[in-house]
């Protein structure tokens, strides 16, 4: 009788262990759609600033598979700094914002692919803060207050 109860348990454990791996093998640099995050791989035209320099510094440009720029900005010490702009696969501007030491700071704005604004507001230490404006595809605006962070 105990063998009958152990068989479903054994089969369950077997199938779970044969399932897909839990390690994430995706890479933003090879995804077919819009990429997310900042690649730490230096562009091929990058030349190190020093013999032992392994942290990327300088202008950064990432592209879609079709060659259109996905994002561009400056990197200092391996972190985003200054203005960064992202683009749709069509080449139209998607968003624009300021980074300080890898975190969003200050004014940020994003657009629909037709050029109409989709959101606008302020960031503080990578968090939305204060009153933000959001527009739907028809142009109707809604405000949301994220408070001070």
C-alpha atoms as a PDB file:
ATOM      1  CA  UNK A   1       0.000   0.000   0.000  1.00  0.00           C
ATOM      2  CA  UNK A   2       2.858   2.402   0.814  1.00  0.00           C
ATOM      3  CA  UNK A   3       4.348   1.724  -2.623  1.00  0.00           C
ATOM      4  CA  UNK A   4       1.237   3.146  -4.281  1.00  0.00           C
ATOM      5  CA  UNK A   5       1.680   6.456  -2.427  1.00  0.00           C
ATOM      6  CA  UNK A   6       5.427   6.643  -3.125  1.00  0.00           C
ATOM      7  CA  UNK A   7       5.053   6.160  -6.883  1.00  0.00           C
ATOM      8  CA  UNK A   8       3.266   9.515  -7.551  1.00  0.00           C
ATOM      9  CA  UNK A   9       5.758  11.297  -5.288  1.00  0.00           C
ATOM     10  CA  UNK A  10       8.718   9.716  -7.098  1.00  0.00           C
ATOM     11  CA  UNK A  11       7.258  10.550 -10.530  1.00  0.00           C
ATOM     12  CA  UNK A  12       6.598  14.154  -9.486  1.00  0.00           C
ATOM     13  CA  UNK A  13      10.171  14.617  -8.296  1.00  0.00           C
ATOM     14  CA  UNK A  14      11.504  12.990 -11.449  1.00  0.00           C
ATOM     15  CA  UNK A  15       9.533  15.289 -13.763  1.00  0.00           C
ATOM     16  CA  UNK A  16      10.454  18.384 -11.766  1.00  0.00           C
ATOM     17  CA  UNK A  17      14.143  17.513 -11.912  1.00  0.00           C
ATOM     18  CA  UNK A  18      13.919  16.943 -15.690  1.00  0.00           C
ATOM     19  CA  UNK A  19      12.224  20.294 -16.273  1.00  0.00           C
ATOM     20  CA  UNK A  20      13.830  23.407 -17.669  1.00  0.00           C
ATOM     21  CA  UNK A  21      16.863  24.863 -16.006  1.00  0.00           C
ATOM     22  CA  UNK A  22      16.288  27.704 -13.574  1.00  0.00           C
ATOM     23  CA  UNK A  23      19.311  29.658 -14.763  1.00  0.00           C
ATOM     24  CA  UNK A  24      18.484  32.544 -17.057  1.00  0.00           C
ATOM     25  CA  UNK A  25      20.490  32.174 -20.243  1.00  0.00           C
ATOM     26  CA  UNK A  26      18.947  35.119 -22.061  1.00  0.00           C
ATOM     27  CA  UNK A  27      21.167  37.992 -23.076  1.00  0.00           C
ATOM     28  CA  UNK A  28      19.810  41.463 -23.819  1.00  0.00           C
ATOM     29  CA  UNK A  29      22.373  41.785 -26.613  1.00  0.00           C
ATOM     30  CA  UNK A  30      20.863  38.878 -28.561  1.00  0.00           C
ATOM     31  CA  UNK A  31      17.135  39.370 -28.020  1.00  0.00           C
ATOM     32  CA  UNK A  32      15.122  39.885 -31.187  1.00  0.00           C
ATOM     33  CA  UNK A  33      12.787  42.546 -29.816  1.00  0.00           C
ATOM     34  CA  UNK A  34      13.406  45.707 -27.844  1.00  0.00           C
ATOM     35  CA  UNK A  35      16.350  45.352 -25.562  1.00  0.00           C
ATOM     36  CA  UNK A  36      16.301  46.159 -21.885  1.00  0.00           C
ATOM     37  CA  UNK A  37      19.099  47.135 -19.608  1.00  0.00           C
ATOM     38  CA  UNK A  38      22.587  48.294 -20.336  1.00  0.00           C
ATOM     39  CA  UNK A  39      25.034  45.935 -21.902  1.00  0.00           C
ATOM     40  CA  UNK A  40      28.376  45.889 -20.145  1.00  0.00           C
ATOM     41  CA  UNK A  41      30.027  44.592 -23.297  1.00  0.00           C
ATOM     42  CA  UNK A  42      32.040  47.372 -24.894  1.00  0.00           C
ATOM     43  CA  UNK A  43      31.394  48.142 -28.556  1.00  0.00           C
ATOM     44  CA  UNK A  44      33.957  46.668 -30.935  1.00  0.00           C
ATOM     45  CA  UNK A  45      35.413  50.082 -31.747  1.00  0.00           C
ATOM     46  CA  UNK A  46      36.193  50.643 -28.036  1.00  0.00           C
ATOM     47  CA  UNK A  47      39.842  51.049 -27.182  1.00  0.00           C
ATOM     48  CA  UNK A  48      40.822  50.703 -23.504  1.00  0.00           C
ATOM     49  CA  UNK A  49      41.924  53.872 -21.685  1.00  0.00           C
ATOM     50  CA  UNK A  50      44.729  52.058 -19.944  1.00  0.00           C
ATOM     51  CA  UNK A  51      46.526  48.747 -20.008  1.00  0.00           C
ATOM     52  CA  UNK A  52      44.568  47.273 -17.080  1.00  0.00           C
ATOM     53  CA  UNK A  53      41.296  49.118 -17.807  1.00  0.00           C
ATOM     54  CA  UNK A  54      38.417  46.647 -17.768  1.00  0.00           C
ATOM     55  CA  UNK A  55      35.558  49.081 -17.001  1.00  0.00           C
ATOM     56  CA  UNK A  56      34.012  50.743 -20.033  1.00  0.00           C
ATOM     57  CA  UNK A  57      34.173  54.537 -20.269  1.00  0.00           C
ATOM     58  CA  UNK A  58      32.988  56.700 -23.143  1.00  0.00           C
ATOM     59  CA  UNK A  59      30.160  56.953 -25.656  1.00  0.00           C
ATOM     60  CA  UNK A  60      27.901  53.916 -25.786  1.00  0.00           C
ATOM     61  CA  UNK A  61      25.634  52.949 -28.676  1.00  0.00           C
ATOM     62  CA  UNK A  62      23.529  49.782 -28.774  1.00  0.00           C
ATOM     63  CA  UNK A  63      21.655  48.749 -31.916  1.00  0.00           C
ATOM     64  CA  UNK A  64      18.740  46.547 -32.898  1.00  0.00           C
ATOM     65  CA  UNK A  65      19.417  43.597 -35.190  1.00  0.00           C
ATOM     66  CA  UNK A  66      18.340  45.787 -38.137  1.00  0.00           C
ATOM     67  CA  UNK A  67      21.164  48.274 -37.394  1.00  0.00           C
ATOM     68  CA  UNK A  68      18.926  51.049 -36.035  1.00  0.00           C
ATOM     69  CA  UNK A  69      20.179  52.613 -32.789  1.00  0.00           C
ATOM     70  CA  UNK A  70      18.321  51.263 -29.751  1.00  0.00           C
ATOM     71  CA  UNK A  71      20.002  53.483 -27.144  1.00  0.00           C
ATOM     72  CA  UNK A  72      22.855  55.899 -26.863  1.00  0.00           C
ATOM     73  CA  UNK A  73      24.568  57.812 -24.093  1.00  0.00           C
ATOM     74  CA  UNK A  74      27.786  58.127 -22.124  1.00  0.00           C
ATOM     75  CA  UNK A  75      29.261  55.654 -19.676  1.00  0.00           C
ATOM     76  CA  UNK A  76      31.660  56.587 -16.898  1.00  0.00           C
ATOM     77  CA  UNK A  77      33.156  53.908 -14.674  1.00  0.00           C
ATOM     78  CA  UNK A  78      30.815  51.356 -16.247  1.00  0.00           C
ATOM     79  CA  UNK A  79      27.687  53.378 -15.271  1.00  0.00           C
ATOM     80  CA  UNK A  80      25.330  55.526 -17.318  1.00  0.00           C
ATOM     81  CA  UNK A  81      26.011  59.243 -16.909  1.00  0.00           C
ATOM     82  CA  UNK A  82      24.476  62.221 -18.678  1.00  0.00           C
ATOM     83  CA  UNK A  83      21.664  62.173 -21.207  1.00  0.00           C
ATOM     84  CA  UNK A  84      20.493  58.838 -22.574  1.00  0.00           C
ATOM     85  CA  UNK A  85      18.096  58.448 -25.469  1.00  0.00           C
ATOM     86  CA  UNK A  86      16.283  55.277 -26.555  1.00  0.00           C
ATOM     87  CA  UNK A  87      14.650  54.684 -29.925  1.00  0.00           C
ATOM     88  CA  UNK A  88      12.008  52.460 -31.458  1.00  0.00           C
ATOM     89  CA  UNK A  89      13.047  49.934 -34.119  1.00  0.00           C
ATOM     90  CA  UNK A  90      11.727  52.441 -36.655  1.00  0.00           C
ATOM     91  CA  UNK A  91      14.360  54.978 -35.487  1.00  0.00           C
ATOM     92  CA  UNK A  92      11.840  57.322 -33.833  1.00  0.00           C
ATOM     93  CA  UNK A  93      12.626  58.567 -30.326  1.00  0.00           C
ATOM     94  CA  UNK A  94      11.166  56.471 -27.509  1.00  0.00           C
ATOM     95  CA  UNK A  95      12.510  58.148 -24.348  1.00  0.00           C
ATOM     96  CA  UNK A  96      15.020  60.663 -23.042  1.00  0.00           C
ATOM     97  CA  UNK A  97      16.434  61.083 -19.551  1.00  0.00           C
ATOM     98  CA  UNK A  98      19.404  62.013 -17.407  1.00  0.00           C
ATOM     99  CA  UNK A  99      21.525  59.524 -15.456  1.00  0.00           C
ATOM    100  CA  UNK A 100      23.956  60.149 -12.612  1.00  0.00           C
ATOM    101  CA  UNK A 101      26.150  57.225 -11.544  1.00  0.00           C
ATOM    102  CA  UNK A 102      23.795  54.742 -13.205  1.00  0.00           C
ATOM    103  CA  UNK A 103      20.563  56.098 -11.690  1.00  0.00           C
ATOM    104  CA  UNK A 104      17.834  58.189 -13.343  1.00  0.00           C
ATOM    105  CA  UNK A 105      17.851  61.763 -12.034  1.00  0.00           C
ATOM    106  CA  UNK A 106      15.825  64.756 -13.102  1.00  0.00           C
ATOM    107  CA  UNK A 107      13.427  65.157 -15.992  1.00  0.00           C
ATOM    108  CA  UNK A 108      12.342  62.155 -18.035  1.00  0.00           C
ATOM    109  CA  UNK A 109      10.029  61.928 -21.026  1.00  0.00           C
ATOM    110  CA  UNK A 110       8.783  59.097 -23.237  1.00  0.00           C
ATOM    111  CA  UNK A 111       6.904  59.068 -26.519  1.00  0.00           C
ATOM    112  CA  UNK A 112       4.618  56.882 -28.544  1.00  0.00           C
ATOM    113  CA  UNK A 113       6.068  55.826 -31.866  1.00  0.00           C
ATOM    114  CA  UNK A 114       3.940  58.475 -33.611  1.00  0.00           C
ATOM    115  CA  UNK A 115       5.839  61.196 -31.683  1.00  0.00           C
ATOM    116  CA  UNK A 116       3.065  61.980 -29.182  1.00  0.00           C
ATOM    117  CA  UNK A 117       4.171  62.095 -25.508  1.00  0.00           C
ATOM    118  CA  UNK A 118       3.262  59.073 -23.418  1.00  0.00           C
ATOM    119  CA  UNK A 119       4.726  60.180 -20.063  1.00  0.00           C
ATOM    120  CA  UNK A 120       6.683  63.007 -18.460  1.00  0.00           C
ATOM    121  CA  UNK A 121       7.980  63.644 -14.959  1.00  0.00           C
ATOM    122  CA  UNK A 122      10.912  63.725 -12.580  1.00  0.00           C
ATOM    123  CA  UNK A 123      13.190  61.006 -11.236  1.00  0.00           C
ATOM    124  CA  UNK A 124      15.134  60.975  -8.007  1.00  0.00           C
ATOM    125  CA  UNK A 125      17.620  58.137  -7.386  1.00  0.00           C
ATOM    126  CA  UNK A 126      15.968  56.012 -10.102  1.00  0.00           C
ATOM    127  CA  UNK A 127      12.447  56.462  -8.682  1.00  0.00           C
ATOM    128  CA  UNK A 128       9.554  58.420 -10.123  1.00  0.00           C
ATOM    129  CA  UNK A 129       8.855  61.359  -7.854  1.00  0.00           C
ATOM    130  CA  UNK A 130       6.357  64.209  -7.734  1.00  0.00           C
ATOM    131  CA  UNK A 131       3.551  64.663 -10.255  1.00  0.00           C
ATOM    132  CA  UNK A 132       3.829  62.728 -13.488  1.00  0.00           C
ATOM    133  CA  UNK A 133       1.720  63.158 -16.591  1.00  0.00           C
ATOM    134  CA  UNK A 134       0.625  60.164 -18.661  1.00  0.00           C
ATOM    135  CA  UNK A 135      -1.138  60.293 -22.019  1.00  0.00           C
ATOM    136  CA  UNK A 136      -3.085  57.519 -23.679  1.00  0.00           C
ATOM    137  CA  UNK A 137      -2.899  56.892 -27.438  1.00  0.00           C
ATOM    138  CA  UNK A 138      -5.839  59.257 -28.004  1.00  0.00           C
ATOM    139  CA  UNK A 139      -4.071  62.116 -26.224  1.00  0.00           C
ATOM    140  CA  UNK A 140      -6.056  62.068 -22.969  1.00  0.00           C
ATOM    141  CA  UNK A 141      -3.806  63.096 -20.059  1.00  0.00           C
ATOM    142  CA  UNK A 142      -3.878  61.679 -16.532  1.00  0.00           C
ATOM    143  CA  UNK A 143      -1.710  62.893 -13.656  1.00  0.00           C
ATOM    144  CA  UNK A 144      -0.317  60.660 -10.939  1.00  0.00           C
ATOM    145  CA  UNK A 145       1.515  61.880  -7.840  1.00  0.00           C
ATOM    146  CA  UNK A 146       4.408  59.686  -6.738  1.00  0.00           C
ATOM    147  CA  UNK A 147       5.238  61.958  -3.788  1.00  0.00           C
ATOM    148  CA  UNK A 148       8.731  62.873  -2.692  1.00  0.00           C
ATOM    149  CA  UNK A 149      11.204  60.017  -2.471  1.00  0.00           C
END
